[in-house]
Amino acid sequence: MIFRDRIIWITGASTGIGEALADELSQKGAKLILSARNIEKLQQVQAQCQNPQQHQVIPLDLAEIETINRAVTQVLEEFTQIDILIHCGGVSQRALAQDTDLSVDYQIMAINYFGAIALTKALLPTMLKQQFGQIVVISSIVGKFGTPLRSAYAASKHALHGFFESLQAEVYDAGIRVTMVCPGFIKTDISCHALTGEGKPHGIMDTAQAQGMDVRICAQKIVKAIQQQKPEVLIGGKELLGVDLKRFFPGLFRYLIRRSKVT
């Protein structure tokens, strides 16, 4: 896939992996639609991109369906097609299940899962009419297995895998491809913005996050996976070993995960 002049919509583009993807894809000549809640931060990201004048900022709150509908209407009025949709928007969690208010579970699911599928369903008729397109979902390694302090977050990521694996089976013959991306520890502010059991920002940079993969390297690996139209890619360090450990040695995996340091 050549990215030059491709129209790519990135949610969660104001920070973290979304911001790094915007920079990487702009250098490859893509025309970007940048979405998140923070308009000022999105404008800063736009200004930092190559050829900022060819990118557009579209505010979007994934927890509010009406903003999703407005954003889709605006995008489809201005662009004749959407080549790639990248779901980067999301929020993590740092709390035990027993200490997490049910409203926080709902909030995390609303942003991470329902927001992503609402936007996908709104754009799907356009991609089906085009007979081409790619949907890239930034899931997580906890979309493959759960860990302590991430019950709602892991649930939302597992849900994404179930939905988009089903969707891929349905739309593959229509020329639409789905790429699931499962990052491990990437050096971003995700732990700082993660929600506590009361729904407040965690406000702490986890040690594992601070020592994680450079977000620019992560973005480069994601772009390569998009280019190759991989169905799924795992990105990170030794934490990725948990996937094989769970598969081949499930008893040992459960023992280790109960004792692992996940912050």
C-alpha atoms as a PDB file:
ATOM      1  CA  MET A   1       0.000   0.000   0.000  1.00  0.00           C
ATOM      2  CA  ILE A   2       1.212   3.474  -0.900  1.00  0.00           C
ATOM      3  CA  PHE A   3       0.009   6.084   1.611  1.00  0.00           C
ATOM      4  CA  ARG A   4       0.471   9.187  -0.516  1.00  0.00           C
ATOM      5  CA  ASP A   5      -2.871  11.003  -0.941  1.00  0.00           C
ATOM      6  CA  ARG A   6      -4.722   8.306   0.996  1.00  0.00           C
ATOM      7  CA  ILE A   7      -7.456   9.715   3.209  1.00  0.00           C
ATOM      8  CA  ILE A   8      -6.913   8.371   6.721  1.00  0.00           C
ATOM      9  CA  TRP A   9      -9.119   9.112   9.726  1.00  0.00           C
ATOM     10  CA  ILE A  10      -7.379   8.766  13.115  1.00  0.00           C
ATOM     11  CA  THR A  11      -9.314   8.935  16.379  1.00  0.00           C
ATOM     12  CA  GLY A  12      -7.428   9.619  19.595  1.00  0.00           C
ATOM     13  CA  ALA A  13      -5.022  11.671  17.498  1.00  0.00           C
ATOM     14  CA  SER A  14      -4.249  14.262  20.157  1.00  0.00           C
ATOM     15  CA  THR A  15      -1.766  12.170  22.114  1.00  0.00           C
ATOM     16  CA  GLY A  16       0.123   8.894  22.413  1.00  0.00           C
ATOM     17  CA  ILE A  17       0.023   6.355  19.608  1.00  0.00           C
ATOM     18  CA  GLY A  18      -2.551   8.386  17.678  1.00  0.00           C
ATOM     19  CA  GLU A  19      -0.306  11.446  17.631  1.00  0.00           C
ATOM     20  CA  ALA A  20       2.713   9.371  16.613  1.00  0.00           C
ATOM     21  CA  LEU A  21       0.726   7.754  13.789  1.00  0.00           C
ATOM     22  CA  ALA A  22      -0.350  11.167  12.546  1.00  0.00           C
ATOM     23  CA  ASP A  23       3.269  12.271  12.323  1.00  0.00           C
ATOM     24  CA  GLU A  24       4.407   9.031  10.647  1.00  0.00           C
ATOM     25  CA  LEU A  25       1.593   8.912   8.095  1.00  0.00           C
ATOM     26  CA  SER A  26       1.869  12.609   7.241  1.00  0.00           C
ATOM     27  CA  GLN A  27       5.525  12.019   6.366  1.00  0.00           C
ATOM     28  CA  LYS A  28       4.345   9.380   3.918  1.00  0.00           C
ATOM     29  CA  GLY A  29       2.042  11.855   2.184  1.00  0.00           C
ATOM     30  CA  ALA A  30      -1.316  10.800   3.612  1.00  0.00           C
ATOM     31  CA  LYS A  31      -4.188  13.250   4.028  1.00  0.00           C
ATOM     32  CA  LEU A  32      -5.336  13.007   7.615  1.00  0.00           C
ATOM     33  CA  ILE A  33      -8.554  13.585   9.504  1.00  0.00           C
ATOM     34  CA  LEU A  34      -7.533  14.111  13.138  1.00  0.00           C
ATOM     35  CA  SER A  35     -10.133  13.506  15.839  1.00  0.00           C
ATOM     36  CA  ALA A  36     -10.260  13.667  19.631  1.00  0.00           C
ATOM     37  CA  ARG A  37     -11.972  15.830  22.265  1.00  0.00           C
ATOM     38  CA  ASN A  38      -9.149  18.364  22.753  1.00  0.00           C
ATOM     39  CA  ILE A  39      -9.335  20.696  19.739  1.00  0.00           C
ATOM     40  CA  GLU A  40      -6.316  22.790  20.765  1.00  0.00           C
ATOM     41  CA  LYS A  41      -4.118  19.705  21.099  1.00  0.00           C
ATOM     42  CA  LEU A  42      -5.364  18.401  17.748  1.00  0.00           C
ATOM     43  CA  GLN A  43      -4.420  21.704  16.129  1.00  0.00           C
ATOM     44  CA  GLN A  44      -0.926  21.387  17.620  1.00  0.00           C
ATOM     45  CA  VAL A  45      -0.631  17.876  16.187  1.00  0.00           C
ATOM     46  CA  GLN A  46      -1.823  19.162  12.821  1.00  0.00           C
ATOM     47  CA  ALA A  47       0.784  21.929  12.870  1.00  0.00           C
ATOM     48  CA  GLN A  48       3.539  19.419  13.648  1.00  0.00           C
ATOM     49  CA  CYS A  49       2.586  17.159  10.742  1.00  0.00           C
ATOM     50  CA  GLN A  50       4.139  17.370   7.302  1.00  0.00           C
ATOM     51  CA  ASN A  51       2.031  19.579   5.000  1.00  0.00           C
ATOM     52  CA  PRO A  52      -0.358  20.651   7.789  1.00  0.00           C
ATOM     53  CA  GLN A  53      -2.653  22.445   5.347  1.00  0.00           C
ATOM     54  CA  GLN A  54      -3.807  19.154   3.829  1.00  0.00           C
ATOM     55  CA  HIS A  55      -4.981  17.717   7.151  1.00  0.00           C
ATOM     56  CA  GLN A  56      -8.237  18.475   8.931  1.00  0.00           C
ATOM     57  CA  VAL A  57      -9.273  18.591  12.581  1.00  0.00           C
ATOM     58  CA  ILE A  58     -12.673  17.099  13.408  1.00  0.00           C
ATOM     59  CA  PRO A  59     -13.594  17.144  17.132  1.00  0.00           C
ATOM     60  CA  LEU A  60     -15.037  13.879  18.424  1.00  0.00           C
ATOM     61  CA  ASP A  61     -16.105  12.445  21.785  1.00  0.00           C
ATOM     62  CA  LEU A  62     -16.374   8.668  21.458  1.00  0.00           C
ATOM     63  CA  ALA A  63     -18.578   8.469  24.537  1.00  0.00           C
ATOM     64  CA  GLU A  64     -21.190  10.742  22.926  1.00  0.00           C
ATOM     65  CA  ILE A  65     -22.914   9.134  19.957  1.00  0.00           C
ATOM     66  CA  GLU A  66     -24.280  12.443  18.690  1.00  0.00           C
ATOM     67  CA  THR A  67     -20.758  13.831  18.218  1.00  0.00           C
ATOM     68  CA  ILE A  68     -19.866  10.702  16.247  1.00  0.00           C
ATOM     69  CA  ASN A  69     -22.835  11.183  13.932  1.00  0.00           C
ATOM     70  CA  ARG A  70     -22.007  14.865  13.430  1.00  0.00           C
ATOM     71  CA  ALA A  71     -18.368  14.064  12.686  1.00  0.00           C
ATOM     72  CA  VAL A  72     -19.271  11.388  10.142  1.00  0.00           C
ATOM     73  CA  THR A  73     -21.734  13.701   8.412  1.00  0.00           C
ATOM     74  CA  GLN A  74     -19.095  16.446   8.216  1.00  0.00           C
ATOM     75  CA  VAL A  75     -16.400  14.095   6.910  1.00  0.00           C
ATOM     76  CA  LEU A  76     -18.595  12.531   4.249  1.00  0.00           C
ATOM     77  CA  GLU A  77     -19.674  15.972   3.042  1.00  0.00           C
ATOM     78  CA  GLU A  78     -16.047  17.001   2.525  1.00  0.00           C
ATOM     79  CA  PHE A  79     -14.372  13.786   1.371  1.00  0.00           C
ATOM     80  CA  THR A  80     -15.401  11.504  -1.450  1.00  0.00           C
ATOM     81  CA  GLN A  81     -13.936   8.435   0.245  1.00  0.00           C
ATOM     82  CA  ILE A  82     -12.243   7.151   3.390  1.00  0.00           C
ATOM     83  CA  ASP A  83      -9.353   4.817   2.659  1.00  0.00           C
ATOM     84  CA  ILE A  84      -8.353   3.905   6.210  1.00  0.00           C
ATOM     85  CA  LEU A  85     -10.033   4.340   9.592  1.00  0.00           C
ATOM     86  CA  ILE A  86      -7.713   4.016  12.599  1.00  0.00           C
ATOM     87  CA  HIS A  87      -9.336   3.570  16.011  1.00  0.00           C
ATOM     88  CA  CYS A  88      -6.832   4.979  18.525  1.00  0.00           C
ATOM     89  CA  GLY A  89      -9.219   6.673  20.925  1.00  0.00           C
ATOM     90  CA  GLY A  90      -9.542   5.029  24.310  1.00  0.00           C
ATOM     91  CA  VAL A  91      -8.950   5.145  28.047  1.00  0.00           C
ATOM     92  CA  SER A  92      -7.259   2.663  30.388  1.00  0.00           C
ATOM     93  CA  GLN A  93      -7.880   1.677  33.999  1.00  0.00           C
ATOM     94  CA  ARG A  94      -5.891   1.383  37.217  1.00  0.00           C
ATOM     95  CA  ALA A  95      -8.152  -0.158  39.869  1.00  0.00           C
ATOM     96  CA  LEU A  96      -9.211  -3.487  41.290  1.00  0.00           C
ATOM     97  CA  ALA A  97     -12.554  -4.770  40.028  1.00  0.00           C
ATOM     98  CA  GLN A  98     -13.984  -4.676  43.555  1.00  0.00           C
ATOM     99  CA  ASP A  99     -13.018  -0.998  43.887  1.00  0.00           C
ATOM    100  CA  THR A 100     -14.322   0.094  40.480  1.00  0.00           C
ATOM    101  CA  ASP A 101     -17.718   1.748  40.468  1.00  0.00           C
ATOM    102  CA  LEU A 102     -20.034   0.278  37.836  1.00  0.00           C
ATOM    103  CA  SER A 103     -20.331   3.714  36.213  1.00  0.00           C
ATOM    104  CA  VAL A 104     -16.602   3.535  35.415  1.00  0.00           C
ATOM    105  CA  ASP A 105     -17.057   0.150  33.744  1.00  0.00           C
ATOM    106  CA  TYR A 106     -19.790   1.718  31.618  1.00  0.00           C
ATOM    107  CA  GLN A 107     -17.607   4.730  30.794  1.00  0.00           C
ATOM    108  CA  ILE A 108     -14.661   2.616  29.679  1.00  0.00           C
ATOM    109  CA  MET A 109     -16.874   0.385  27.546  1.00  0.00           C
ATOM    110  CA  ALA A 110     -18.611   3.423  26.041  1.00  0.00           C
ATOM    111  CA  ILE A 111     -15.339   4.995  24.915  1.00  0.00           C
ATOM    112  CA  ASN A 112     -13.256   1.953  24.004  1.00  0.00           C
ATOM    113  CA  TYR A 113     -15.913  -0.314  22.537  1.00  0.00           C
ATOM    114  CA  PHE A 114     -19.216   1.355  21.712  1.00  0.00           C
ATOM    115  CA  GLY A 115     -17.541   4.491  20.360  1.00  0.00           C
ATOM    116  CA  ALA A 116     -15.374   2.435  18.015  1.00  0.00           C
ATOM    117  CA  ILE A 117     -18.195   0.282  16.696  1.00  0.00           C
ATOM    118  CA  ALA A 118     -20.551   3.274  16.349  1.00  0.00           C
ATOM    119  CA  LEU A 119     -18.022   5.073  14.159  1.00  0.00           C
ATOM    120  CA  THR A 120     -17.336   1.887  12.197  1.00  0.00           C
ATOM    121  CA  LYS A 121     -21.025   1.256  11.537  1.00  0.00           C
ATOM    122  CA  ALA A 122     -21.514   4.865  10.444  1.00  0.00           C
ATOM    123  CA  LEU A 123     -18.683   4.601   7.893  1.00  0.00           C
ATOM    124  CA  LEU A 124     -19.244   1.016   6.810  1.00  0.00           C
ATOM    125  CA  PRO A 125     -21.866   1.809   4.114  1.00  0.00           C
ATOM    126  CA  THR A 126     -19.368   4.165   2.468  1.00  0.00           C
ATOM    127  CA  MET A 127     -16.616   1.526   2.459  1.00  0.00           C
ATOM    128  CA  LEU A 128     -19.014  -1.124   1.148  1.00  0.00           C
ATOM    129  CA  LYS A 129     -20.038   1.212  -1.653  1.00  0.00           C
ATOM    130  CA  GLN A 130     -16.368   1.890  -2.433  1.00  0.00           C
ATOM    131  CA  GLN A 131     -15.611  -1.842  -2.360  1.00  0.00           C
ATOM    132  CA  PHE A 132     -12.358  -1.102  -0.548  1.00  0.00           C
ATOM    133  CA  GLY A 133     -11.066   0.253   2.747  1.00  0.00           C
ATOM    134  CA  GLN A 134      -9.156  -0.735   5.857  1.00  0.00           C
ATOM    135  CA  ILE A 135     -10.171  -0.545   9.497  1.00  0.00           C
ATOM    136  CA  VAL A 136      -7.299  -0.510  11.975  1.00  0.00           C
ATOM    137  CA  VAL A 137      -8.106  -1.129  15.623  1.00  0.00           C
ATOM    138  CA  ILE A 138      -5.571  -0.239  18.303  1.00  0.00           C
ATOM    139  CA  SER A 139      -6.455  -2.878  20.854  1.00  0.00           C
ATOM    140  CA  SER A 140      -3.970  -3.973  23.533  1.00  0.00           C
ATOM    141  CA  ILE A 141      -2.086  -7.008  24.720  1.00  0.00           C
ATOM    142  CA  VAL A 142      -4.837  -7.208  27.367  1.00  0.00           C
ATOM    143  CA  GLY A 143      -7.184  -7.856  24.471  1.00  0.00           C
ATOM    144  CA  LYS A 144      -5.482 -11.270  24.491  1.00  0.00           C
ATOM    145  CA  PHE A 145      -5.393 -11.856  28.262  1.00  0.00           C
ATOM    146  CA  GLY A 146      -6.568 -10.023  31.372  1.00  0.00           C
ATOM    147  CA  THR A 147      -4.333  -8.672  34.129  1.00  0.00           C
ATOM    148  CA  PRO A 148      -4.927  -7.208  37.589  1.00  0.00           C
ATOM    149  CA  LEU A 149      -6.137  -3.577  37.725  1.00  0.00           C
ATOM    150  CA  ARG A 150      -7.494  -3.751  34.151  1.00  0.00           C
ATOM    151  CA  SER A 151     -10.802  -5.637  34.405  1.00  0.00           C
ATOM    152  CA  ALA A 152     -12.938  -3.082  32.517  1.00  0.00           C
ATOM    153  CA  TYR A 153     -10.129  -2.153  30.134  1.00  0.00           C
ATOM    154  CA  ALA A 154      -9.406  -5.797  29.294  1.00  0.00           C
ATOM    155  CA  ALA A 155     -13.120  -6.439  28.824  1.00  0.00           C
ATOM    156  CA  SER A 156     -13.407  -3.555  26.355  1.00  0.00           C
ATOM    157  CA  LYS A 157     -10.411  -4.784  24.355  1.00  0.00           C
ATOM    158  CA  HIS A 158     -11.633  -8.384  24.313  1.00  0.00           C
ATOM    159  CA  ALA A 159     -14.960  -7.059  23.022  1.00  0.00           C
ATOM    160  CA  LEU A 160     -13.202  -5.250  20.177  1.00  0.00           C
ATOM    161  CA  HIS A 161     -11.561  -8.495  19.075  1.00  0.00           C
ATOM    162  CA  GLY A 162     -14.878 -10.309  19.039  1.00  0.00           C
ATOM    163  CA  PHE A 163     -16.651  -7.611  17.048  1.00  0.00           C
ATOM    164  CA  PHE A 164     -13.949  -6.898  14.478  1.00  0.00           C
ATOM    165  CA  GLU A 165     -13.023 -10.539  13.892  1.00  0.00           C
ATOM    166  CA  SER A 166     -16.691 -11.160  13.100  1.00  0.00           C
ATOM    167  CA  LEU A 167     -16.853  -8.059  10.929  1.00  0.00           C
ATOM    168  CA  GLN A 168     -13.794  -9.123   8.941  1.00  0.00           C
ATOM    169  CA  ALA A 169     -15.421 -12.428   8.085  1.00  0.00           C
ATOM    170  CA  GLU A 170     -18.478 -10.522   6.842  1.00  0.00           C
ATOM    171  CA  VAL A 171     -16.806  -7.846   4.708  1.00  0.00           C
ATOM    172  CA  TYR A 172     -13.627  -9.508   3.446  1.00  0.00           C
ATOM    173  CA  ASP A 173     -15.152 -10.400   0.077  1.00  0.00           C
ATOM    174  CA  ALA A 174     -16.255  -6.767  -0.296  1.00  0.00           C
ATOM    175  CA  GLY A 175     -12.613  -5.667  -0.352  1.00  0.00           C
ATOM    176  CA  ILE A 176     -12.483  -4.338   3.225  1.00  0.00           C
ATOM    177  CA  ARG A 177      -9.635  -5.375   5.503  1.00  0.00           C
ATOM    178  CA  VAL A 178      -9.364  -5.282   9.299  1.00  0.00           C
ATOM    179  CA  THR A 179      -6.062  -4.998  11.167  1.00  0.00           C
ATOM    180  CA  MET A 180      -6.017  -5.616  14.930  1.00  0.00           C
ATOM    181  CA  VAL A 181      -3.024  -4.034  16.702  1.00  0.00           C
ATOM    182  CA  CYS A 182      -2.100  -5.271  20.188  1.00  0.00           C
ATOM    183  CA  PRO A 183       0.494  -3.025  21.834  1.00  0.00           C
ATOM    184  CA  GLY A 184       2.155  -3.979  25.087  1.00  0.00           C
ATOM    185  CA  PHE A 185       3.986  -1.393  27.167  1.00  0.00           C
ATOM    186  CA  ILE A 186       4.492   1.688  24.972  1.00  0.00           C
ATOM    187  CA  LYS A 187       5.967   4.897  26.379  1.00  0.00           C
ATOM    188  CA  THR A 188       2.887   7.152  26.346  1.00  0.00           C
ATOM    189  CA  ASP A 189       0.783   8.971  28.944  1.00  0.00           C
ATOM    190  CA  ILE A 190      -1.913   6.276  28.933  1.00  0.00           C
ATOM    191  CA  SER A 191      -1.363   5.367  32.594  1.00  0.00           C
ATOM    192  CA  CYS A 192      -1.574   9.035  33.625  1.00  0.00           C
ATOM    193  CA  HIS A 193      -4.990   9.367  31.979  1.00  0.00           C
ATOM    194  CA  ALA A 194      -6.228   5.940  33.128  1.00  0.00           C
ATOM    195  CA  LEU A 195      -9.310   5.933  35.339  1.00  0.00           C
ATOM    196  CA  THR A 196      -9.307   4.971  38.992  1.00  0.00           C
ATOM    197  CA  GLY A 197     -12.199   3.124  40.588  1.00  0.00           C
ATOM    198  CA  GLU A 198     -13.901   6.465  41.205  1.00  0.00           C
ATOM    199  CA  GLY A 199     -13.458   7.574  37.606  1.00  0.00           C
ATOM    200  CA  LYS A 200     -10.689  10.093  38.312  1.00  0.00           C
ATOM    201  CA  PRO A 201      -7.399  10.283  36.361  1.00  0.00           C
ATOM    202  CA  HIS A 202      -4.740   7.975  37.787  1.00  0.00           C
ATOM    203  CA  GLY A 203      -2.195  10.752  37.310  1.00  0.00           C
ATOM    204  CA  ILE A 204       0.860   8.491  37.611  1.00  0.00           C
ATOM    205  CA  MET A 205       3.305   7.340  34.956  1.00  0.00           C
ATOM    206  CA  ASP A 206       3.668   3.613  35.566  1.00  0.00           C
ATOM    207  CA  THR A 207       7.210   2.271  35.706  1.00  0.00           C
ATOM    208  CA  ALA A 208       6.478  -0.347  33.048  1.00  0.00           C
ATOM    209  CA  GLN A 209       4.973   2.329  30.801  1.00  0.00           C
ATOM    210  CA  ALA A 210       7.927   4.672  31.262  1.00  0.00           C
ATOM    211  CA  GLN A 211      10.298   1.846  30.311  1.00  0.00           C
ATOM    212  CA  GLY A 212       8.193   0.738  27.353  1.00  0.00           C
ATOM    213  CA  MET A 213       8.851   0.913  23.629  1.00  0.00           C
ATOM    214  CA  ASP A 214       9.347   4.369  22.131  1.00  0.00           C
ATOM    215  CA  VAL A 215       6.008   5.463  20.698  1.00  0.00           C
ATOM    216  CA  ARG A 216       7.632   6.477  17.407  1.00  0.00           C
ATOM    217  CA  ILE A 217       8.975   2.949  16.895  1.00  0.00           C
ATOM    218  CA  CYS A 218       5.541   1.583  17.756  1.00  0.00           C
ATOM    219  CA  ALA A 219       3.957   3.865  15.139  1.00  0.00           C
ATOM    220  CA  GLN A 220       6.425   2.712  12.504  1.00  0.00           C
ATOM    221  CA  LYS A 221       5.575  -0.925  13.222  1.00  0.00           C
ATOM    222  CA  ILE A 222       1.848  -0.188  13.041  1.00  0.00           C
ATOM    223  CA  VAL A 223       2.245   1.594   9.702  1.00  0.00           C
ATOM    224  CA  LYS A 224       4.159  -1.408   8.355  1.00  0.00           C
ATOM    225  CA  ALA A 225       1.361  -3.723   9.516  1.00  0.00           C
ATOM    226  CA  ILE A 226      -1.230  -1.491   7.836  1.00  0.00           C
ATOM    227  CA  GLN A 227       0.793  -1.489   4.639  1.00  0.00           C
ATOM    228  CA  GLN A 228       0.962  -5.290   4.699  1.00  0.00           C
ATOM    229  CA  GLN A 229      -2.732  -5.501   5.651  1.00  0.00           C
ATOM    230  CA  LYS A 230      -1.925  -7.901   8.476  1.00  0.00           C
ATOM    231  CA  PRO A 231      -4.991  -9.289  10.265  1.00  0.00           C
ATOM    232  CA  GLU A 232      -3.249  -8.939  13.642  1.00  0.00           C
ATOM    233  CA  VAL A 233       0.070  -7.705  14.991  1.00  0.00           C
ATOM    234  CA  LEU A 234       1.581  -7.735  18.491  1.00  0.00           C
ATOM    235  CA  ILE A 235       3.927  -4.862  19.347  1.00  0.00           C
ATOM    236  CA  GLY A 236       6.002  -4.522  22.474  1.00  0.00           C
ATOM    237  CA  GLY A 237       8.637  -6.281  24.567  1.00  0.00           C
ATOM    238  CA  LYS A 238       8.803  -9.356  26.771  1.00  0.00           C
ATOM    239  CA  GLU A 239       5.215  -8.833  27.927  1.00  0.00           C
ATOM    240  CA  LEU A 240       4.121 -10.272  24.566  1.00  0.00           C
ATOM    241  CA  LEU A 241       5.393 -13.675  25.718  1.00  0.00           C
ATOM    242  CA  GLY A 242       2.243 -13.856  27.806  1.00  0.00           C
ATOM    243  CA  VAL A 243       0.222 -14.717  24.700  1.00  0.00           C
ATOM    244  CA  ASP A 244       2.154 -17.927  24.010  1.00  0.00           C
ATOM    245  CA  LEU A 245       2.488 -18.684  27.707  1.00  0.00           C
ATOM    246  CA  LYS A 246      -1.297 -18.563  28.138  1.00  0.00           C
ATOM    247  CA  ARG A 247      -1.794 -20.791  25.102  1.00  0.00           C
ATOM    248  CA  PHE A 248       0.748 -23.486  25.836  1.00  0.00           C
ATOM    249  CA  PHE A 249       1.133 -23.299  29.638  1.00  0.00           C
ATOM    250  CA  PRO A 250      -2.174 -21.885  30.941  1.00  0.00           C
ATOM    251  CA  GLY A 251      -1.654 -23.018  34.531  1.00  0.00           C
ATOM    252  CA  LEU A 252       1.771 -21.379  34.748  1.00  0.00           C
ATOM    253  CA  PHE A 253       0.392 -18.268  33.041  1.00  0.00           C
ATOM    254  CA  ARG A 254      -2.388 -17.883  35.614  1.00  0.00           C
ATOM    255  CA  TYR A 255       0.114 -18.332  38.441  1.00  0.00           C
ATOM    256  CA  LEU A 256       2.469 -15.704  37.036  1.00  0.00           C
ATOM    257  CA  ILE A 257      -0.196 -13.150  36.112  1.00  0.00           C
ATOM    258  CA  ARG A 258      -1.495 -13.183  39.710  1.00  0.00           C
ATOM    259  CA  ARG A 259       1.978 -12.165  40.856  1.00  0.00           C
ATOM    260  CA  SER A 260       3.060  -9.909  38.018  1.00  0.00           C
ATOM    261  CA  LYS A 261       3.818  -6.211  38.336  1.00  0.00           C
ATOM    262  CA  VAL A 262       1.482  -4.491  35.894  1.00  0.00           C
ATOM    263  CA  THR A 263       2.146  -0.849  36.796  1.00  0.00           C
END
